[in-house]
């Protein structure tokens, strides 16, 4: 997601079987989509696994010398090119990093 996108609504119930949802929209209102799923496995401080539709994803928290690396692995969908999907997830991670760094 670039700076011309934002999340207009989100909810998180971070427990196994808990649901999450986010509404992502272009700031100019030309397009939007919902992203929702279910948490399937949680290991505090290590990983979060989830399913969304018939796909799945994993968020890993990997300790490193200068902090924690957050790595997301996901099942790609077949509509958009895989590289475009990678760029979208990376943009989300970049925004997350900005948020975390601003709070320090």
Protein backbone atom coordinates (compact mmCIF):
# COMPACT_ATOMS: atom_id res chain seq x y z
CA UNK A 1 0.00 0.00 0.00
CA UNK A 2 1.34 3.35 -0.96
CA UNK A 3 0.65 6.69 0.73
CA UNK A 4 -2.47 7.13 -1.42
CA UNK A 5 -4.13 4.17 0.38
CA UNK A 6 -5.44 3.92 3.90
CA UNK A 7 -7.32 1.57 6.20
CA UNK A 8 -10.74 2.99 7.00
CA UNK A 9 -11.77 0.26 9.46
CA UNK A 10 -10.13 -2.71 11.12
CA UNK A 11 -10.84 -5.21 13.87
CA UNK A 12 -8.61 -7.82 15.49
CA UNK A 13 -9.37 -10.65 17.92
CA UNK A 14 -5.83 -12.02 18.30
CA UNK A 15 -6.44 -15.55 19.54
CA UNK A 16 -6.63 -18.94 17.83
CA UNK A 17 -10.01 -18.96 16.08
CA UNK A 18 -10.26 -15.17 16.38
CA UNK A 19 -11.20 -13.08 13.39
CA UNK A 20 -9.53 -10.06 11.79
CA UNK A 21 -10.77 -7.68 9.11
CA UNK A 22 -9.57 -4.51 7.42
CA UNK A 23 -11.11 -2.21 4.86
CA UNK A 24 -8.43 -0.86 2.51
CA UNK A 25 -9.34 2.10 0.29
CA UNK A 26 -7.66 4.47 -2.11
CA UNK A 27 -7.77 7.93 -0.53
CA UNK A 28 -9.45 9.33 -3.64
CA UNK A 29 -12.28 6.80 -3.21
CA UNK A 30 -11.76 5.14 -6.61
CA UNK A 31 -11.21 1.61 -5.25
CA UNK A 32 -11.32 -0.42 -2.07
CA UNK A 33 -11.34 -3.98 -0.82
CA UNK A 34 -11.88 -5.98 2.35
CA UNK A 35 -9.23 -8.27 3.81
CA UNK A 36 -10.42 -10.71 6.46
CA UNK A 37 -9.51 -14.04 7.94
CA UNK A 38 -9.04 -16.24 10.99
CA UNK A 39 -6.03 -16.74 13.22
CA UNK A 40 -5.05 -20.43 13.17
CA UNK A 41 -1.89 -20.55 15.31
CA UNK A 42 -0.19 -18.09 17.64
CA UNK A 43 3.16 -18.48 19.38
CA UNK A 44 3.66 -15.30 21.44
CA UNK A 45 6.73 -13.34 20.36
CA UNK A 46 7.44 -15.80 17.52
CA UNK A 47 4.67 -16.20 14.96
CA UNK A 48 1.10 -15.65 13.90
CA UNK A 49 -0.51 -17.95 11.34
CA UNK A 50 -3.81 -17.14 9.69
CA UNK A 51 -6.14 -18.20 6.92
CA UNK A 52 -7.98 -15.89 4.55
CA UNK A 53 -10.34 -17.59 2.14
CA UNK A 54 -8.62 -20.69 0.82
CA UNK A 55 -5.17 -19.15 1.36
CA UNK A 56 -2.90 -18.83 4.36
CA UNK A 57 -0.18 -16.60 5.71
CA UNK A 58 2.48 -16.56 8.41
CA UNK A 59 3.98 -13.58 10.23
CA UNK A 60 7.29 -14.47 11.89
CA UNK A 61 9.13 -12.34 14.44
CA UNK A 62 12.83 -13.17 14.06
CA UNK A 63 15.31 -11.76 16.61
CA UNK A 64 18.37 -10.12 15.04
CA UNK A 65 21.27 -8.02 16.29
CA UNK A 66 19.50 -4.67 15.83
CA UNK A 67 15.97 -5.66 16.86
CA UNK A 68 13.35 -7.93 15.37
CA UNK A 69 12.79 -8.75 11.71
CA UNK A 70 9.14 -9.23 10.75
CA UNK A 71 8.78 -11.70 7.88
CA UNK A 72 5.46 -12.35 6.11
CA UNK A 73 4.96 -15.45 3.98
CA UNK A 74 1.67 -15.83 2.12
CA UNK A 75 -0.11 -17.89 -0.51
CA UNK A 76 -0.31 -15.70 -3.58
CA UNK A 77 -3.63 -15.24 -5.34
CA UNK A 78 -3.99 -15.80 -9.07
CA UNK A 79 -5.59 -12.50 -10.19
CA UNK A 80 -2.67 -10.09 -9.70
CA UNK A 81 1.00 -10.68 -10.55
CA UNK A 82 3.01 -12.19 -7.68
CA UNK A 83 5.51 -9.30 -7.74
CA UNK A 84 2.68 -6.77 -7.33
CA UNK A 85 1.45 -8.75 -4.32
CA UNK A 86 4.96 -8.79 -2.81
CA UNK A 87 5.21 -5.02 -3.28
CA UNK A 88 1.84 -4.52 -1.56
CA UNK A 89 2.83 -6.64 1.46
CA UNK A 90 6.23 -4.90 1.62
CA UNK A 91 4.53 -1.49 1.62
CA UNK A 92 2.36 -2.62 4.54
CA UNK A 93 5.47 -3.78 6.42
CA UNK A 94 7.22 -0.48 5.65
CA UNK A 95 4.27 1.46 7.09
CA UNK A 96 4.29 -0.80 10.16
CA UNK A 97 8.02 -0.07 10.64
CA UNK A 98 7.35 3.69 10.42
CA UNK A 99 4.61 3.34 13.03
CA UNK A 100 6.81 1.34 15.43
CA UNK A 101 9.82 3.63 14.98
CA UNK A 102 7.68 6.74 15.62
CA UNK A 103 6.56 5.30 18.97
CA UNK A 104 10.12 4.79 20.25
